[in-house]
Amino acid sequence: MSLYRAELRRLVLRRLTRWATVLGLAVLATVAVGVFLSNQKIDDAARAKAQVAAEQYWQQQVRQTEELRAECEQAAARGDQSDRFPPDCSQISPPPRDVYPAEQYLPTTFDFRASFGQTLMALAGILALVGFVVGSSFVGAEWNTGGMMTMLLWRPKRVTVLLTKLAALLTGLLALAVTTTVLWFGSFWLIATTRGSTEGMTAGAWQSFALAGLRGVVLALVAAALGFGLASLGRHTAMALGGAVGVVVVGQVGLGVLLDLIEAKFIAAWLLPTYVQAWVEKEVVLQDWQLCQRNPFGPCEPETLTLTWQHSSGLLVVGLVLILGGACWAIRRRDIS
């Protein structure tokens, strides 16, 4: 059996791989079920019910307005000059009927074209988390138990062994990510068909969603490779998980607090989640309102900064080169003991 097939089999049979996959899929299934239960299809009965609700609410506002005007007239007859009422009670008039359109009282419905793109961010985040955990433990456990040292006795080409393990990891995760993404598309199309609307889906919209899903798959692969590289550098799974916690808690929360204290512009541009969002959603537009706060009088347009998936791709490439390159250099130069 080749080394690649042996590593792929080892990946599939690991308990952590199975549990991480099951938990990730369970979270995604919970999201899909929640969306299904919280939406419903808009039909003639729902529109009629919304029309009745809008009419009832408007009539309620009319009655309250008439009662308030009657109290104003009584107060004026008594000579009570309360600030509660205007000088002229005729100014208290009921709102027009068109202020309460029936559309405001329609139940929540899932519009596939308008809402599906937001769900791809959740899909990409869960897949990336699963990939990072599985990737870091896949090689970290080998170092911790001594399996890597035993393997290198039979396969002395260190970098080749490491990259073969990485190839097996990425192959397995690619199969999981692609399958999950296809099921995600199908599940939400079914939700939109039964509990919402699929109108307006053009070839361009499908292409945009497909590219966003593809970027989500790539993000999961990158996260797995980064976790694999960090665990290999530290020769322990805790190195990758500890590094991730350090980046999130110290590098992101602490940096965000510091930037907020010095009133830096576009604080989100220094935070990794912004680039993850820009990668999946194609672009993120940041706004800075500091100029408007300094000059509160008159209209003011905030300064904007647009981050695109190209900016995020540069960051991902740099991270991969540094961490995977460091892992290959370390296994080549350091003693295996």
C-alpha atoms as a PDB file:
ATOM      1  CA  MET A   1       0.000   0.000   0.000  1.00  0.00           C
ATOM      2  CA  SER A   2       1.341   3.444  -0.900  1.00  0.00           C
ATOM      3  CA  LEU A   3       2.103   6.003   1.766  1.00  0.00           C
ATOM      4  CA  TYR A   4      -0.597   8.334   0.426  1.00  0.00           C
ATOM      5  CA  ARG A   5      -3.348   5.706   0.629  1.00  0.00           C
ATOM      6  CA  ALA A   6      -2.175   4.620   4.071  1.00  0.00           C
ATOM      7  CA  GLU A   7      -2.348   8.213   5.333  1.00  0.00           C
ATOM      8  CA  LEU A   8      -5.758   8.738   3.762  1.00  0.00           C
ATOM      9  CA  ARG A   9      -7.044   5.580   5.463  1.00  0.00           C
ATOM     10  CA  ARG A  10      -5.535   6.700   8.772  1.00  0.00           C
ATOM     11  CA  LEU A  11      -7.265  10.072   8.423  1.00  0.00           C
ATOM     12  CA  VAL A  12     -10.675   8.521   7.803  1.00  0.00           C
ATOM     13  CA  LEU A  13     -10.373   6.023  10.665  1.00  0.00           C
ATOM     14  CA  ARG A  14      -9.335   8.570  13.300  1.00  0.00           C
ATOM     15  CA  ARG A  15     -12.010   9.123  15.960  1.00  0.00           C
ATOM     16  CA  LEU A  16     -11.384  12.858  16.149  1.00  0.00           C
ATOM     17  CA  THR A  17     -11.940  13.159  12.397  1.00  0.00           C
ATOM     18  CA  ARG A  18     -15.268  11.403  12.692  1.00  0.00           C
ATOM     19  CA  TRP A  19     -16.436  13.314  15.753  1.00  0.00           C
ATOM     20  CA  ALA A  20     -15.377  16.699  14.339  1.00  0.00           C
ATOM     21  CA  THR A  21     -17.187  15.889  11.094  1.00  0.00           C
ATOM     22  CA  VAL A  22     -20.342  14.759  12.890  1.00  0.00           C
ATOM     23  CA  LEU A  23     -20.404  17.819  15.154  1.00  0.00           C
ATOM     24  CA  GLY A  24     -19.800  20.184  12.246  1.00  0.00           C
ATOM     25  CA  LEU A  25     -22.566  18.598  10.193  1.00  0.00           C
ATOM     26  CA  ALA A  26     -24.882  18.668  13.220  1.00  0.00           C
ATOM     27  CA  VAL A  27     -24.352  22.406  13.632  1.00  0.00           C
ATOM     28  CA  LEU A  28     -25.037  23.010   9.935  1.00  0.00           C
ATOM     29  CA  ALA A  29     -28.144  20.809  10.075  1.00  0.00           C
ATOM     30  CA  THR A  30     -29.393  22.782  13.085  1.00  0.00           C
ATOM     31  CA  VAL A  31     -28.988  26.026  11.150  1.00  0.00           C
ATOM     32  CA  ALA A  32     -30.887  24.635   8.168  1.00  0.00           C
ATOM     33  CA  VAL A  33     -33.712  23.292  10.346  1.00  0.00           C
ATOM     34  CA  GLY A  34     -33.940  26.615  12.188  1.00  0.00           C
ATOM     35  CA  VAL A  35     -34.256  28.509   8.909  1.00  0.00           C
ATOM     36  CA  PHE A  36     -36.904  26.051   7.722  1.00  0.00           C
ATOM     37  CA  LEU A  37     -39.014  26.397  10.875  1.00  0.00           C
ATOM     38  CA  SER A  38     -38.715  30.192  11.095  1.00  0.00           C
ATOM     39  CA  ASN A  39     -39.947  30.853   7.551  1.00  0.00           C
ATOM     40  CA  GLN A  40     -43.066  30.097   5.603  1.00  0.00           C
ATOM     41  CA  LYS A  41     -44.300  30.476   2.061  1.00  0.00           C
ATOM     42  CA  ILE A  42     -46.333  33.594   1.247  1.00  0.00           C
ATOM     43  CA  ASP A  43     -49.671  32.633  -0.309  1.00  0.00           C
ATOM     44  CA  ASP A  44     -53.038  34.330  -0.741  1.00  0.00           C
ATOM     45  CA  ALA A  45     -54.144  33.319   2.768  1.00  0.00           C
ATOM     46  CA  ALA A  46     -51.015  34.884   4.320  1.00  0.00           C
ATOM     47  CA  ARG A  47     -51.520  38.089   2.318  1.00  0.00           C
ATOM     48  CA  ALA A  48     -55.161  38.289   3.374  1.00  0.00           C
ATOM     49  CA  LYS A  49     -54.194  37.770   7.010  1.00  0.00           C
ATOM     50  CA  ALA A  50     -51.549  40.488   6.742  1.00  0.00           C
ATOM     51  CA  GLN A  51     -54.106  42.855   5.208  1.00  0.00           C
ATOM     52  CA  VAL A  52     -56.476  42.248   8.113  1.00  0.00           C
ATOM     53  CA  ALA A  53     -53.672  42.785  10.653  1.00  0.00           C
ATOM     54  CA  ALA A  54     -52.625  46.055   9.003  1.00  0.00           C
ATOM     55  CA  GLU A  55     -56.227  47.293   8.976  1.00  0.00           C
ATOM     56  CA  GLN A  56     -56.739  46.396  12.643  1.00  0.00           C
ATOM     57  CA  TYR A  57     -53.534  48.135  13.714  1.00  0.00           C
ATOM     58  CA  TRP A  58     -54.441  51.276  11.748  1.00  0.00           C
ATOM     59  CA  GLN A  59     -57.911  51.370  13.320  1.00  0.00           C
ATOM     60  CA  GLN A  60     -56.328  50.991  16.746  1.00  0.00           C
ATOM     61  CA  GLN A  61     -54.084  53.993  16.045  1.00  0.00           C
ATOM     62  CA  VAL A  62     -57.105  55.980  14.860  1.00  0.00           C
ATOM     63  CA  ARG A  63     -59.012  55.245  18.091  1.00  0.00           C
ATOM     64  CA  GLN A  64     -56.037  56.197  20.243  1.00  0.00           C
ATOM     65  CA  THR A  65     -55.615  59.428  18.295  1.00  0.00           C
ATOM     66  CA  GLU A  66     -59.288  60.338  18.703  1.00  0.00           C
ATOM     67  CA  GLU A  67     -59.104  59.652  22.453  1.00  0.00           C
ATOM     68  CA  LEU A  68     -55.990  61.812  22.737  1.00  0.00           C
ATOM     69  CA  ARG A  69     -57.655  64.664  20.818  1.00  0.00           C
ATOM     70  CA  ALA A  70     -60.749  64.423  23.056  1.00  0.00           C
ATOM     71  CA  GLU A  71     -58.511  64.727  26.126  1.00  0.00           C
ATOM     72  CA  CYS A  72     -56.810  67.736  24.541  1.00  0.00           C
ATOM     73  CA  GLU A  73     -60.147  69.467  23.913  1.00  0.00           C
ATOM     74  CA  GLN A  74     -61.274  68.782  27.482  1.00  0.00           C
ATOM     75  CA  ALA A  75     -58.001  70.183  28.831  1.00  0.00           C
ATOM     76  CA  ALA A  76     -58.412  73.267  26.654  1.00  0.00           C
ATOM     77  CA  ALA A  77     -61.981  73.781  27.939  1.00  0.00           C
ATOM     78  CA  ARG A  78     -60.659  73.672  31.525  1.00  0.00           C
ATOM     79  CA  GLY A  79     -57.913  76.114  30.688  1.00  0.00           C
ATOM     80  CA  ASP A  80     -55.211  73.529  31.368  1.00  0.00           C
ATOM     81  CA  GLN A  81     -52.038  74.547  29.491  1.00  0.00           C
ATOM     82  CA  SER A  82     -50.246  71.199  29.797  1.00  0.00           C
ATOM     83  CA  ASP A  83     -47.161  70.524  27.702  1.00  0.00           C
ATOM     84  CA  ARG A  84     -48.640  67.164  26.894  1.00  0.00           C
ATOM     85  CA  PHE A  85     -50.931  68.668  24.234  1.00  0.00           C
ATOM     86  CA  PRO A  86     -50.267  71.093  21.360  1.00  0.00           C
ATOM     87  CA  PRO A  87     -51.865  74.570  21.437  1.00  0.00           C
ATOM     88  CA  ASP A  88     -54.232  73.572  18.636  1.00  0.00           C
ATOM     89  CA  CYS A  89     -55.969  70.239  19.274  1.00  0.00           C
ATOM     90  CA  SER A  90     -56.781  69.908  15.561  1.00  0.00           C
ATOM     91  CA  GLN A  91     -53.087  69.118  15.011  1.00  0.00           C
ATOM     92  CA  ILE A  92     -53.731  65.727  16.607  1.00  0.00           C
ATOM     93  CA  SER A  93     -54.875  63.725  13.594  1.00  0.00           C
ATOM     94  CA  PRO A  94     -54.846  60.010  12.827  1.00  0.00           C
ATOM     95  CA  PRO A  95     -52.098  58.658  10.560  1.00  0.00           C
ATOM     96  CA  PRO A  96     -52.986  57.948   6.938  1.00  0.00           C
ATOM     97  CA  ARG A  97     -53.859  54.381   6.026  1.00  0.00           C
ATOM     98  CA  ASP A  98     -50.862  53.885   3.713  1.00  0.00           C
ATOM     99  CA  VAL A  99     -48.456  54.303   6.646  1.00  0.00           C
ATOM    100  CA  TYR A 100     -49.241  50.689   7.614  1.00  0.00           C
ATOM    101  CA  PRO A 101     -48.821  48.598   4.450  1.00  0.00           C
ATOM    102  CA  ALA A 102     -49.808  44.964   4.582  1.00  0.00           C
ATOM    103  CA  GLU A 103     -46.263  43.904   3.604  1.00  0.00           C
ATOM    104  CA  GLN A 104     -45.070  44.814   7.114  1.00  0.00           C
ATOM    105  CA  TYR A 105     -47.328  42.145   8.604  1.00  0.00           C
ATOM    106  CA  LEU A 106     -46.401  39.289   6.313  1.00  0.00           C
ATOM    107  CA  PRO A 107     -44.635  36.339   7.991  1.00  0.00           C
ATOM    108  CA  THR A 108     -40.916  35.789   7.444  1.00  0.00           C
ATOM    109  CA  THR A 109     -40.151  34.047   4.172  1.00  0.00           C
ATOM    110  CA  PHE A 110     -36.872  32.765   2.737  1.00  0.00           C
ATOM    111  CA  ASP A 111     -35.942  34.512  -0.491  1.00  0.00           C
ATOM    112  CA  PHE A 112     -33.184  32.358  -1.991  1.00  0.00           C
ATOM    113  CA  ARG A 113     -31.551  35.104  -4.037  1.00  0.00           C
ATOM    114  CA  ALA A 114     -31.622  37.692  -1.247  1.00  0.00           C
ATOM    115  CA  SER A 115     -30.738  35.469   1.717  1.00  0.00           C
ATOM    116  CA  PHE A 116     -28.770  32.429   0.603  1.00  0.00           C
ATOM    117  CA  GLY A 117     -25.487  34.313   0.275  1.00  0.00           C
ATOM    118  CA  GLN A 118     -25.532  35.081   4.008  1.00  0.00           C
ATOM    119  CA  THR A 119     -25.751  31.386   4.863  1.00  0.00           C
ATOM    120  CA  LEU A 120     -22.559  30.616   2.914  1.00  0.00           C
ATOM    121  CA  MET A 121     -20.572  32.513   5.535  1.00  0.00           C
ATOM    122  CA  ALA A 122     -21.811  30.118   8.237  1.00  0.00           C
ATOM    123  CA  LEU A 123     -21.009  27.125   6.013  1.00  0.00           C
ATOM    124  CA  ALA A 124     -17.478  28.355   5.320  1.00  0.00           C
ATOM    125  CA  GLY A 125     -16.853  29.114   9.002  1.00  0.00           C
ATOM    126  CA  ILE A 126     -17.914  25.649  10.205  1.00  0.00           C
ATOM    127  CA  LEU A 127     -15.928  23.873   7.473  1.00  0.00           C
ATOM    128  CA  ALA A 128     -12.851  25.964   8.262  1.00  0.00           C
ATOM    129  CA  LEU A 129     -13.146  25.164  11.983  1.00  0.00           C
ATOM    130  CA  VAL A 130     -13.478  21.439  11.289  1.00  0.00           C
ATOM    131  CA  GLY A 131     -10.541  21.591   8.879  1.00  0.00           C
ATOM    132  CA  PHE A 132      -8.308  23.402  11.369  1.00  0.00           C
ATOM    133  CA  VAL A 133      -9.051  20.978  14.218  1.00  0.00           C
ATOM    134  CA  VAL A 134      -8.692  17.853  12.083  1.00  0.00           C
ATOM    135  CA  GLY A 135      -5.565  19.161  10.350  1.00  0.00           C
ATOM    136  CA  SER A 136      -3.773  20.099  13.551  1.00  0.00           C
ATOM    137  CA  SER A 137      -4.621  16.836  15.320  1.00  0.00           C
ATOM    138  CA  PHE A 138      -3.779  14.682  12.295  1.00  0.00           C
ATOM    139  CA  VAL A 139      -0.076  15.497  12.433  1.00  0.00           C
ATOM    140  CA  GLY A 140       0.088  16.604  16.072  1.00  0.00           C
ATOM    141  CA  ALA A 141      -1.007  13.190  17.313  1.00  0.00           C
ATOM    142  CA  GLU A 142       1.689  11.517  15.206  1.00  0.00           C
ATOM    143  CA  TRP A 143       4.384  13.632  16.843  1.00  0.00           C
ATOM    144  CA  ASN A 144       2.952  13.196  20.318  1.00  0.00           C
ATOM    145  CA  THR A 145       2.673   9.387  20.164  1.00  0.00           C
ATOM    146  CA  GLY A 146       5.958   8.811  18.351  1.00  0.00           C
ATOM    147  CA  GLY A 147       4.306   7.562  15.184  1.00  0.00           C
ATOM    148  CA  MET A 148       6.114  10.136  13.075  1.00  0.00           C
ATOM    149  CA  MET A 149       9.526   8.971  14.272  1.00  0.00           C
ATOM    150  CA  THR A 150       8.641   5.345  13.526  1.00  0.00           C
ATOM    151  CA  MET A 151       7.412   6.222  10.061  1.00  0.00           C
ATOM    152  CA  LEU A 152      10.584   8.159   9.245  1.00  0.00           C
ATOM    153  CA  LEU A 153      12.656   5.090  10.037  1.00  0.00           C
ATOM    154  CA  TRP A 154      11.027   3.409   7.037  1.00  0.00           C
ATOM    155  CA  ARG A 155      10.544   6.524   4.945  1.00  0.00           C
ATOM    156  CA  PRO A 156      13.591   8.712   5.615  1.00  0.00           C
ATOM    157  CA  LYS A 157      12.544  11.445   3.170  1.00  0.00           C
ATOM    158  CA  ARG A 158      11.167  13.785   5.808  1.00  0.00           C
ATOM    159  CA  VAL A 159       9.658  16.537   3.666  1.00  0.00           C
ATOM    160  CA  THR A 160       8.082  13.975   1.323  1.00  0.00           C
ATOM    161  CA  VAL A 161       6.419  12.214   4.267  1.00  0.00           C
ATOM    162  CA  LEU A 162       5.124  15.486   5.670  1.00  0.00           C
ATOM    163  CA  LEU A 163       3.718  16.690   2.346  1.00  0.00           C
ATOM    164  CA  THR A 164       2.160  13.282   1.667  1.00  0.00           C
ATOM    165  CA  LYS A 165       0.310  13.495   4.984  1.00  0.00           C
ATOM    166  CA  LEU A 166      -0.798  17.019   4.025  1.00  0.00           C
ATOM    167  CA  ALA A 167      -2.010  15.801   0.612  1.00  0.00           C
ATOM    168  CA  ALA A 168      -4.054  13.032   2.252  1.00  0.00           C
ATOM    169  CA  LEU A 169      -5.535  15.549   4.703  1.00  0.00           C
ATOM    170  CA  LEU A 170      -6.517  17.993   1.959  1.00  0.00           C
ATOM    171  CA  THR A 171      -7.993  15.220  -0.192  1.00  0.00           C
ATOM    172  CA  GLY A 172     -10.205  13.985   2.613  1.00  0.00           C
ATOM    173  CA  LEU A 173     -11.288  17.459   3.593  1.00  0.00           C
ATOM    174  CA  LEU A 174     -11.942  18.412  -0.034  1.00  0.00           C
ATOM    175  CA  ALA A 175     -14.329  15.473  -0.389  1.00  0.00           C
ATOM    176  CA  LEU A 176     -16.123  16.468   2.810  1.00  0.00           C
ATOM    177  CA  ALA A 177     -16.299  20.179   1.922  1.00  0.00           C
ATOM    178  CA  VAL A 178     -17.556  19.642  -1.628  1.00  0.00           C
ATOM    179  CA  THR A 179     -20.198  17.124  -0.529  1.00  0.00           C
ATOM    180  CA  THR A 180     -21.356  19.360   2.316  1.00  0.00           C
ATOM    181  CA  THR A 181     -21.512  22.407   0.064  1.00  0.00           C
ATOM    182  CA  VAL A 182     -23.613  20.573  -2.524  1.00  0.00           C
ATOM    183  CA  LEU A 183     -25.982  19.374   0.214  1.00  0.00           C
ATOM    184  CA  TRP A 184     -26.116  22.932   1.605  1.00  0.00           C
ATOM    185  CA  PHE A 185     -27.164  24.310  -1.773  1.00  0.00           C
ATOM    186  CA  GLY A 186     -29.780  21.591  -2.160  1.00  0.00           C
ATOM    187  CA  SER A 187     -31.154  22.008   1.362  1.00  0.00           C
ATOM    188  CA  PHE A 188     -31.681  25.739   1.059  1.00  0.00           C
ATOM    189  CA  TRP A 189     -33.123  25.420  -2.427  1.00  0.00           C
ATOM    190  CA  LEU A 190     -35.672  23.020  -0.925  1.00  0.00           C
ATOM    191  CA  ILE A 191     -36.310  25.485   1.924  1.00  0.00           C
ATOM    192  CA  ALA A 192     -36.846  28.307  -0.561  1.00  0.00           C
ATOM    193  CA  THR A 193     -39.173  26.138  -2.642  1.00  0.00           C
ATOM    194  CA  THR A 194     -41.352  25.050   0.285  1.00  0.00           C
ATOM    195  CA  ARG A 195     -40.973  27.969   2.729  1.00  0.00           C
ATOM    196  CA  GLY A 196     -40.053  30.932   0.555  1.00  0.00           C
ATOM    197  CA  SER A 197     -39.305  32.004  -2.990  1.00  0.00           C
ATOM    198  CA  THR A 198     -36.808  31.117  -5.736  1.00  0.00           C
ATOM    199  CA  GLU A 199     -37.749  33.996  -8.010  1.00  0.00           C
ATOM    200  CA  GLY A 200     -35.055  36.074  -9.675  1.00  0.00           C
ATOM    201  CA  MET A 201     -32.443  33.321  -9.881  1.00  0.00           C
ATOM    202  CA  THR A 202     -30.527  34.084 -13.049  1.00  0.00           C
ATOM    203  CA  ALA A 203     -27.378  32.522 -14.453  1.00  0.00           C
ATOM    204  CA  GLY A 204     -25.372  35.385 -12.968  1.00  0.00           C
ATOM    205  CA  ALA A 205     -26.842  34.800  -9.504  1.00  0.00           C
ATOM    206  CA  TRP A 206     -26.029  31.090  -9.680  1.00  0.00           C
ATOM    207  CA  GLN A 207     -22.489  31.868 -10.780  1.00  0.00           C
ATOM    208  CA  SER A 208     -22.025  34.294  -7.890  1.00  0.00           C
ATOM    209  CA  PHE A 209     -23.269  31.733  -5.340  1.00  0.00           C
ATOM    210  CA  ALA A 210     -21.145  28.977  -6.891  1.00  0.00           C
ATOM    211  CA  LEU A 211     -17.995  31.103  -6.684  1.00  0.00           C
ATOM    212  CA  ALA A 212     -18.787  32.023  -3.066  1.00  0.00           C
ATOM    213  CA  GLY A 213     -19.237  28.337  -2.237  1.00  0.00           C
ATOM    214  CA  LEU A 214     -15.937  27.543  -3.973  1.00  0.00           C
ATOM    215  CA  ARG A 215     -14.158  30.221  -1.949  1.00  0.00           C
ATOM    216  CA  GLY A 216     -15.654  28.679   1.191  1.00  0.00           C
ATOM    217  CA  VAL A 217     -14.198  25.288   0.241  1.00  0.00           C
ATOM    218  CA  VAL A 218     -10.793  26.873  -0.381  1.00  0.00           C
ATOM    219  CA  LEU A 219     -10.988  28.603   3.014  1.00  0.00           C
ATOM    220  CA  ALA A 220     -11.580  25.236   4.705  1.00  0.00           C
ATOM    221  CA  LEU A 221      -8.545  23.759   2.918  1.00  0.00           C
ATOM    222  CA  VAL A 222      -6.384  26.725   3.902  1.00  0.00           C
ATOM    223  CA  ALA A 223      -7.500  26.451   7.542  1.00  0.00           C
ATOM    224  CA  ALA A 224      -6.641  22.737   7.545  1.00  0.00           C
ATOM    225  CA  ALA A 225      -3.213  23.429   6.045  1.00  0.00           C
ATOM    226  CA  LEU A 226      -2.514  26.172   8.587  1.00  0.00           C
ATOM    227  CA  GLY A 227      -3.497  23.926  11.491  1.00  0.00           C
ATOM    228  CA  PHE A 228      -1.366  21.136  10.037  1.00  0.00           C
ATOM    229  CA  GLY A 229       1.636  23.447   9.669  1.00  0.00           C
ATOM    230  CA  LEU A 230       1.372  24.921  13.160  1.00  0.00           C
ATOM    231  CA  ALA A 231       1.057  21.496  14.788  1.00  0.00           C
ATOM    232  CA  SER A 232       4.024  20.254  12.802  1.00  0.00           C
ATOM    233  CA  LEU A 233       6.123  23.238  13.852  1.00  0.00           C
ATOM    234  CA  GLY A 234       5.332  22.654  17.519  1.00  0.00           C
ATOM    235  CA  ARG A 235       5.194  18.868  17.181  1.00  0.00           C
ATOM    236  CA  HIS A 236       1.972  18.864  19.169  1.00  0.00           C
ATOM    237  CA  THR A 237      -1.716  19.568  18.537  1.00  0.00           C
ATOM    238  CA  ALA A 238      -1.708  22.076  21.388  1.00  0.00           C
ATOM    239  CA  MET A 239       0.692  24.264  19.414  1.00  0.00           C
ATOM    240  CA  ALA A 240      -1.917  24.867  16.714  1.00  0.00           C
ATOM    241  CA  LEU A 241      -4.884  25.212  19.071  1.00  0.00           C
ATOM    242  CA  GLY A 242      -2.917  27.422  21.474  1.00  0.00           C
ATOM    243  CA  GLY A 243      -1.703  29.558  18.590  1.00  0.00           C
ATOM    244  CA  ALA A 244      -5.258  29.973  17.334  1.00  0.00           C
ATOM    245  CA  VAL A 245      -6.489  30.998  20.794  1.00  0.00           C
ATOM    246  CA  GLY A 246      -3.586  33.433  21.116  1.00  0.00           C
ATOM    247  CA  VAL A 247      -4.344  35.027  17.761  1.00  0.00           C
ATOM    248  CA  VAL A 248      -8.048  35.385  18.563  1.00  0.00           C
ATOM    249  CA  VAL A 249      -7.755  36.559  22.181  1.00  0.00           C
ATOM    250  CA  VAL A 250      -4.527  38.557  22.150  1.00  0.00           C
ATOM    251  CA  GLY A 251      -4.033  39.439  18.528  1.00  0.00           C
ATOM    252  CA  GLN A 252      -7.637  40.289  17.719  1.00  0.00           C
ATOM    253  CA  VAL A 253      -9.519  41.257  20.892  1.00  0.00           C
ATOM    254  CA  GLY A 254      -6.535  43.065  22.400  1.00  0.00           C
ATOM    255  CA  LEU A 255      -5.666  44.766  19.129  1.00  0.00           C
ATOM    256  CA  GLY A 256      -9.270  45.841  18.648  1.00  0.00           C
ATOM    257  CA  VAL A 257      -9.403  47.401  22.129  1.00  0.00           C
ATOM    258  CA  LEU A 258      -6.099  49.204  21.558  1.00  0.00           C
ATOM    259  CA  LEU A 259      -7.163  50.589  18.188  1.00  0.00           C
ATOM    260  CA  ASP A 260     -10.455  51.740  19.668  1.00  0.00           C
ATOM    261  CA  LEU A 261      -8.647  53.579  22.474  1.00  0.00           C
ATOM    262  CA  ILE A 262      -6.430  55.478  20.045  1.00  0.00           C
ATOM    263  CA  GLU A 263      -9.441  56.107  17.772  1.00  0.00           C
ATOM    264  CA  ALA A 264      -7.817  54.508  14.753  1.00  0.00           C
ATOM    265  CA  LYS A 265      -9.619  54.585  11.424  1.00  0.00           C
ATOM    266  CA  PHE A 266     -11.183  51.433  10.006  1.00  0.00           C
ATOM    267  CA  ILE A 267     -10.483  49.213  13.017  1.00  0.00           C
ATOM    268  CA  ALA A 268     -12.056  46.189  11.318  1.00  0.00           C
ATOM    269  CA  ALA A 269      -9.400  46.373   8.587  1.00  0.00           C
ATOM    270  CA  TRP A 270      -6.870  45.101  11.153  1.00  0.00           C
ATOM    271  CA  LEU A 271      -8.953  42.095  12.220  1.00  0.00           C
ATOM    272  CA  LEU A 272      -8.797  38.660  10.579  1.00  0.00           C
ATOM    273  CA  PRO A 273     -12.591  37.970  10.560  1.00  0.00           C
ATOM    274  CA  THR A 274     -13.010  40.940   8.228  1.00  0.00           C
ATOM    275  CA  TYR A 275     -10.713  39.337   5.675  1.00  0.00           C
ATOM    276  CA  VAL A 276     -12.476  35.999   6.061  1.00  0.00           C
ATOM    277  CA  GLN A 277     -15.768  37.731   5.348  1.00  0.00           C
ATOM    278  CA  ALA A 278     -14.276  39.583   2.386  1.00  0.00           C
ATOM    279  CA  TRP A 279     -12.939  36.287   1.001  1.00  0.00           C
ATOM    280  CA  VAL A 280     -16.288  34.494   1.161  1.00  0.00           C
ATOM    281  CA  GLU A 281     -18.574  37.425   0.279  1.00  0.00           C
ATOM    282  CA  LYS A 282     -16.228  38.858  -2.396  1.00  0.00           C
ATOM    283  CA  GLU A 283     -15.931  42.266  -0.722  1.00  0.00           C
ATOM    284  CA  VAL A 284     -16.587  44.154   2.500  1.00  0.00           C
ATOM    285  CA  VAL A 285     -17.168  47.909   2.666  1.00  0.00           C
ATOM    286  CA  LEU A 286     -15.989  49.501   5.932  1.00  0.00           C
ATOM    287  CA  GLN A 287     -17.230  52.902   7.111  1.00  0.00           C
ATOM    288  CA  ASP A 288     -15.584  55.425   9.402  1.00  0.00           C
ATOM    289  CA  TRP A 289     -17.885  58.008  11.053  1.00  0.00           C
ATOM    290  CA  GLN A 290     -15.242  59.902  13.021  1.00  0.00           C
ATOM    291  CA  LEU A 291     -15.324  62.875  10.660  1.00  0.00           C
ATOM    292  CA  CYS A 292     -19.104  63.131  11.055  1.00  0.00           C
ATOM    293  CA  GLN A 293     -18.810  62.996  14.845  1.00  0.00           C
ATOM    294  CA  ARG A 294     -16.365  65.894  14.812  1.00  0.00           C
ATOM    295  CA  ASN A 295     -18.680  67.931  12.575  1.00  0.00           C
ATOM    296  CA  PRO A 296     -22.212  66.960  13.641  1.00  0.00           C
ATOM    297  CA  PHE A 297     -23.966  69.813  11.809  1.00  0.00           C
ATOM    298  CA  GLY A 298     -25.295  69.241   8.330  1.00  0.00           C
ATOM    299  CA  PRO A 299     -25.193  66.155   6.130  1.00  0.00           C
ATOM    300  CA  CYS A 300     -22.103  63.994   6.281  1.00  0.00           C
ATOM    301  CA  GLU A 301     -20.917  61.010   4.284  1.00  0.00           C
ATOM    302  CA  PRO A 302     -18.609  58.599   6.140  1.00  0.00           C
ATOM    303  CA  GLU A 303     -15.237  57.631   4.764  1.00  0.00           C
ATOM    304  CA  THR A 304     -15.246  54.172   3.224  1.00  0.00           C
ATOM    305  CA  LEU A 305     -12.674  51.438   2.660  1.00  0.00           C
ATOM    306  CA  THR A 306     -13.401  48.465   0.411  1.00  0.00           C
ATOM    307  CA  LEU A 307     -11.644  45.166   1.106  1.00  0.00           C
ATOM    308  CA  THR A 308     -11.969  42.550  -1.651  1.00  0.00           C
ATOM    309  CA  TRP A 309     -11.258  38.856  -1.929  1.00  0.00           C
ATOM    310  CA  GLN A 310      -7.979  39.748  -3.637  1.00  0.00           C
ATOM    311  CA  HIS A 311      -6.760  41.438  -0.429  1.00  0.00           C
ATOM    312  CA  SER A 312      -7.758  38.340   1.535  1.00  0.00           C
ATOM    313  CA  SER A 313      -6.072  35.992  -0.935  1.00  0.00           C
ATOM    314  CA  GLY A 314      -2.769  37.793  -0.436  1.00  0.00           C
ATOM    315  CA  LEU A 315      -3.056  37.349   3.323  1.00  0.00           C
ATOM    316  CA  LEU A 316      -3.904  33.648   2.965  1.00  0.00           C
ATOM    317  CA  VAL A 317      -0.989  33.013   0.599  1.00  0.00           C
ATOM    318  CA  VAL A 318       1.476  34.746   2.912  1.00  0.00           C
ATOM    319  CA  GLY A 319       0.222  32.722   5.885  1.00  0.00           C
ATOM    320  CA  LEU A 320       0.494  29.445   3.984  1.00  0.00           C
ATOM    321  CA  VAL A 321       3.983  30.183   2.718  1.00  0.00           C
ATOM    322  CA  LEU A 322       5.278  31.174   6.139  1.00  0.00           C
ATOM    323  CA  ILE A 323       3.705  28.362   8.155  1.00  0.00           C
ATOM    324  CA  LEU A 324       4.013  25.456   5.700  1.00  0.00           C
ATOM    325  CA  GLY A 325       7.447  26.644   4.604  1.00  0.00           C
ATOM    326  CA  GLY A 326       8.501  26.822   8.245  1.00  0.00           C
ATOM    327  CA  ALA A 327       7.119  23.341   8.904  1.00  0.00           C
ATOM    328  CA  CYS A 328       9.051  21.862   5.958  1.00  0.00           C
ATOM    329  CA  TRP A 329      12.241  23.661   7.005  1.00  0.00           C
ATOM    330  CA  ALA A 330      11.842  22.503  10.609  1.00  0.00           C
ATOM    331  CA  ILE A 331      11.319  18.839   9.796  1.00  0.00           C
ATOM    332  CA  ARG A 332      14.288  18.938   7.422  1.00  0.00           C
ATOM    333  CA  ARG A 333      16.691  20.652   9.810  1.00  0.00           C
ATOM    334  CA  ARG A 334      15.673  19.493  13.282  1.00  0.00           C
ATOM    335  CA  ASP A 335      16.496  16.164  14.884  1.00  0.00           C
ATOM    336  CA  ILE A 336      13.681  13.626  14.949  1.00  0.00           C
ATOM    337  CA  SER A 337      13.531  12.484  18.540  1.00  0.00           C
END
